[in-house]
Protein backbone atom coordinates (compact mmCIF):
# COMPACT_ATOMS: atom_id res chain seq x y z
CA UNK A 1 124.07 114.25 99.30
CA UNK A 2 125.45 115.77 102.70
CA UNK A 3 122.38 117.81 104.06
CA UNK A 4 122.85 121.92 103.40
CA UNK A 5 121.53 124.24 104.88
CA UNK A 6 120.37 128.00 103.05
CA UNK A 7 119.23 130.93 104.82
CA UNK A 8 116.11 132.71 103.61
CA UNK A 9 116.33 135.93 105.18
CA UNK A 10 115.83 136.13 108.69
CA UNK A 11 112.52 134.43 109.05
CA UNK A 12 113.01 131.17 107.12
CA UNK A 13 116.35 128.52 106.22
CA UNK A 14 115.92 125.14 103.95
CA UNK A 15 117.17 122.28 104.75
CA UNK A 16 118.25 120.29 101.21
CA UNK A 17 118.82 116.62 101.51
CA UNK A 18 119.27 115.87 97.93
CA UNK A 19 119.29 117.02 93.86
CA UNK A 20 116.82 115.05 92.73
CA UNK A 21 113.27 113.84 92.23
CA UNK A 22 113.51 110.23 94.29
CA UNK A 23 111.07 108.60 96.72
CA UNK A 24 113.84 107.92 99.43
CA UNK A 25 114.88 111.34 99.52
CA UNK A 26 111.31 112.48 99.56
CA UNK A 27 111.01 109.87 102.54
CA UNK A 28 113.79 111.90 104.19
CA UNK A 29 112.43 114.83 103.43
CA UNK A 30 108.98 113.87 105.20
CA UNK A 31 110.99 112.15 108.40
CA UNK A 32 113.07 115.53 108.98
CA UNK A 33 109.47 117.45 109.01
CA UNK A 34 107.90 114.86 111.21
CA UNK A 35 110.95 114.71 113.90
CA UNK A 36 110.80 118.79 114.02
CA UNK A 37 107.47 118.86 114.46
CA UNK A 38 108.05 116.73 117.16
CA UNK A 39 110.73 118.91 118.81
CA UNK A 40 108.04 121.21 119.50
CA UNK A 41 110.41 124.38 119.23
CA UNK A 42 108.92 127.57 119.79
CA UNK A 43 107.99 130.40 117.24
CA UNK A 44 108.08 127.73 113.92
CA UNK A 45 105.24 129.04 111.82
CA UNK A 46 105.30 126.65 108.69
CA UNK A 47 107.04 123.90 107.71
CA UNK A 48 107.22 123.03 103.87
CA UNK A 49 108.17 120.01 102.30
CA UNK A 50 108.99 119.04 98.79
CA UNK A 51 110.90 116.49 96.81
CA UNK A 52 113.63 117.21 98.02
CA UNK A 53 113.77 120.13 100.62
CA UNK A 54 112.24 121.02 103.65
CA UNK A 55 111.53 125.11 104.71
CA UNK A 56 111.34 126.15 108.03
CA UNK A 57 109.37 129.63 108.60
CA UNK A 58 109.61 130.88 112.01
CA UNK A 59 109.33 134.05 114.19
CA UNK A 60 112.79 135.95 114.46
CA UNK A 61 111.38 137.78 117.67
CA UNK A 62 110.36 134.32 119.46
CA UNK A 63 112.56 131.35 117.75
CA UNK A 64 115.81 130.49 118.67
CA UNK A 65 118.27 130.71 115.65
CA UNK A 66 120.84 128.50 117.16
CA UNK A 67 118.21 125.65 118.63
CA UNK A 68 116.71 125.65 115.31
CA UNK A 69 119.47 124.96 113.07
CA UNK A 70 120.66 122.27 115.43
CA UNK A 71 117.74 120.45 115.24
CA UNK A 72 117.43 120.75 111.59
CA UNK A 73 120.63 118.79 111.00
CA UNK A 74 119.45 116.24 113.89
CA UNK A 75 115.96 115.82 111.68
CA UNK A 76 118.33 115.55 108.73
CA UNK A 77 120.73 112.25 110.80
CA UNK A 78 117.53 110.77 112.25
CA UNK A 79 115.51 110.05 108.62
CA UNK A 80 118.36 108.03 107.42
CA UNK A 81 116.07 104.96 109.26
CA UNK A 82 112.43 106.71 109.11
CA UNK A 83 109.45 105.31 106.62
CA UNK A 84 107.33 107.71 104.68
CA UNK A 85 103.25 107.37 106.02
CA UNK A 86 100.63 108.80 105.22
CA UNK A 87 96.76 108.44 104.60
CA UNK A 88 95.71 107.13 101.26
CA UNK A 89 92.90 108.60 98.91
CA UNK A 90 91.04 106.62 95.88
CA UNK A 91 89.92 109.35 93.82
CA UNK A 92 87.04 108.42 90.88
CA UNK A 93 87.75 109.99 87.36
CA UNK A 94 86.10 110.50 84.07
CA UNK A 95 88.66 109.68 81.21
CA UNK A 96 88.69 111.27 77.80
CA UNK A 97 85.94 112.81 75.53
CA UNK A 98 85.58 116.57 76.73
CA UNK A 99 86.70 115.39 80.56
CA UNK A 100 90.33 114.28 79.28
CA UNK A 101 90.66 116.22 75.89
CA UNK A 102 94.87 115.25 75.66
CA UNK A 103 93.71 111.58 76.25
CA UNK A 104 94.15 109.99 73.05
CA UNK A 105 97.45 112.54 71.77
CA UNK A 106 99.31 111.27 74.89
CA UNK A 107 98.31 107.47 73.10
CA UNK A 108 99.78 108.65 69.65
CA UNK A 109 102.65 109.98 71.55
CA UNK A 110 103.51 107.30 73.74
CA UNK A 111 102.39 104.36 70.90
CA UNK A 112 100.03 103.10 73.25
CA UNK A 113 95.49 102.98 72.88
CA UNK A 114 94.04 105.03 75.00
CA UNK A 115 92.73 102.18 77.52
CA UNK A 116 95.95 101.59 77.83
CA UNK A 117 96.86 104.89 79.35
CA UNK A 118 93.63 104.42 81.82
CA UNK A 119 94.82 101.84 82.78
CA UNK A 120 98.49 102.34 83.60
CA UNK A 121 97.35 104.90 85.41
CA UNK A 122 94.44 103.42 87.69
CA UNK A 123 96.97 101.03 88.39
CA UNK A 124 99.85 102.81 90.52
CA UNK A 125 100.13 104.17 93.75
CA UNK A 126 101.22 107.55 93.60
CA UNK A 127 102.87 109.20 96.28
CA UNK A 128 102.03 113.04 96.92
CA UNK A 129 105.35 114.81 96.85
CA UNK A 130 104.10 117.97 97.63
CA UNK A 131 101.45 120.77 96.98
CA UNK A 132 102.20 123.73 95.16
CA UNK A 133 101.75 126.37 92.14
CA UNK A 134 97.84 126.58 92.98
CA UNK A 135 96.92 125.87 97.24
CA UNK A 136 95.92 122.10 96.97
CA UNK A 137 97.49 121.01 93.93
CA UNK A 138 99.52 117.84 94.34
CA UNK A 139 102.59 116.69 92.36
CA UNK A 140 102.14 113.39 92.68
CA UNK A 141 104.91 110.88 91.32
CA UNK A 142 105.94 108.61 89.43
CA UNK A 143 104.80 107.73 86.52
CA UNK A 144 106.38 105.10 84.29
CA UNK A 145 109.73 105.95 82.15
CA UNK A 146 106.93 105.17 78.68
CA UNK A 147 104.12 107.57 80.14
CA UNK A 148 106.76 110.84 80.68
CA UNK A 149 106.24 113.47 78.09
CA UNK A 150 107.06 117.57 77.93
CA UNK A 151 104.83 119.71 79.01
CA UNK A 152 102.48 120.84 76.27
CA UNK A 153 104.03 123.07 73.72
CA UNK A 154 101.16 126.02 73.89
CA UNK A 155 99.52 126.12 77.64
CA UNK A 156 96.01 126.11 77.94
CA UNK A 157 94.87 129.54 78.87
CA UNK A 158 91.89 128.05 81.09
CA UNK A 159 92.58 124.60 82.09
CA UNK A 160 89.00 123.49 83.98
CA UNK A 161 89.00 122.74 87.92
CA UNK A 162 89.38 119.00 88.91
CA UNK A 163 91.07 118.28 85.74
CA UNK A 164 93.51 115.03 85.98
CA UNK A 165 96.81 115.81 84.17
CA UNK A 166 100.27 114.34 83.78
CA UNK A 167 103.49 115.77 82.46
CA UNK A 168 107.58 114.21 82.90
CA UNK A 169 107.34 112.01 85.55
CA UNK A 170 104.13 113.30 87.40
CA UNK A 171 100.26 113.05 87.80
CA UNK A 172 98.65 116.49 89.52
CA UNK A 173 94.66 117.44 89.73
CA UNK A 174 93.96 121.51 89.03
CA UNK A 175 92.19 122.53 91.87
CA UNK A 176 90.92 125.47 90.61
CA UNK A 177 90.59 127.11 86.43
CA UNK A 178 94.03 128.29 85.80
CA UNK A 179 96.35 128.67 83.21
CA UNK A 180 98.63 125.13 82.51
CA UNK A 181 100.87 123.21 80.15
CA UNK A 182 99.95 119.47 81.57
CA UNK A 183 98.08 116.81 79.09
CA UNK A 184 94.37 116.71 80.45
CA UNK A 185 93.56 112.53 80.27
CA UNK A 186 90.38 112.77 83.05
CA UNK A 187 88.48 114.85 85.66
CA UNK A 188 87.30 114.25 89.21
CA UNK A 189 84.14 115.73 90.99
CA UNK A 190 86.30 114.99 94.17
CA UNK A 191 87.59 118.66 95.55
CA UNK A 192 91.34 119.42 96.67
CA UNK A 193 90.66 122.61 98.43
CA UNK A 194 87.88 123.79 100.97
CA UNK A 195 88.83 127.24 102.16
CA UNK A 196 86.02 126.48 104.75
CA UNK A 197 88.54 123.44 106.78
CA UNK A 198 90.50 125.63 108.65
CA UNK A 199 92.19 121.74 109.77
CA UNK A 200 92.91 120.70 106.52
CA UNK A 201 91.88 123.03 103.30
CA UNK A 202 94.24 120.76 101.12
CA UNK A 203 92.49 117.40 100.73
CA UNK A 204 95.93 115.79 100.01
CA UNK A 205 99.41 116.50 102.30
CA UNK A 206 102.55 115.37 100.96
CA UNK A 207 103.25 111.33 102.44
CA UNK A 208 99.80 110.53 101.51
CA UNK A 209 99.11 107.56 98.58
CA UNK A 210 96.61 108.18 95.54
CA UNK A 211 95.06 105.94 93.33
CA UNK A 212 92.64 106.54 90.30
CA UNK A 213 89.76 104.69 89.49
CA UNK A 214 87.93 104.99 86.07
CA UNK A 215 84.18 105.83 86.57
């Protein structure tokens, strides 16, 4: 897919690099993000990478819009040979029971044992594709095809904070108690978001990798 550019009002632009969840597309997004950050153009206030696109927020009274558009297309072209890099995290998880009330149901739905579900999830190195839904909420992928289940037919009104969950091709960790329709497999004690950390309030960032460890 050729890069596309969407205008989001007078203070944001979105560079589109694909139309699906794909590690190669996400690597291009992250490389474009790095390239734009390195360009250090005046007026940029935030860079928001997602699965397949990069949104750039800027101050229209400071930024040179034409220069920003040109730099976005240059960044898209430069990503072809770039490699995704980031930090690696190991997150301890208590699986099943009260911490993972959906583990047995997921085992039944997939025709596997609960033990196999846990072993498989802990054996994956998961990519942080993006942070969204809640501050610090990481979208992690990719799960094997047999473990990809649709969201629960009836969402919970209150998912406990730090719950480890799956839905579709993704896993996630809920940073706070909130409504949610993902399948809850376990819970961690690791804090996903710390507002007192001004430099990096969200523990994880796009481009990082995660491995769950059973405790």
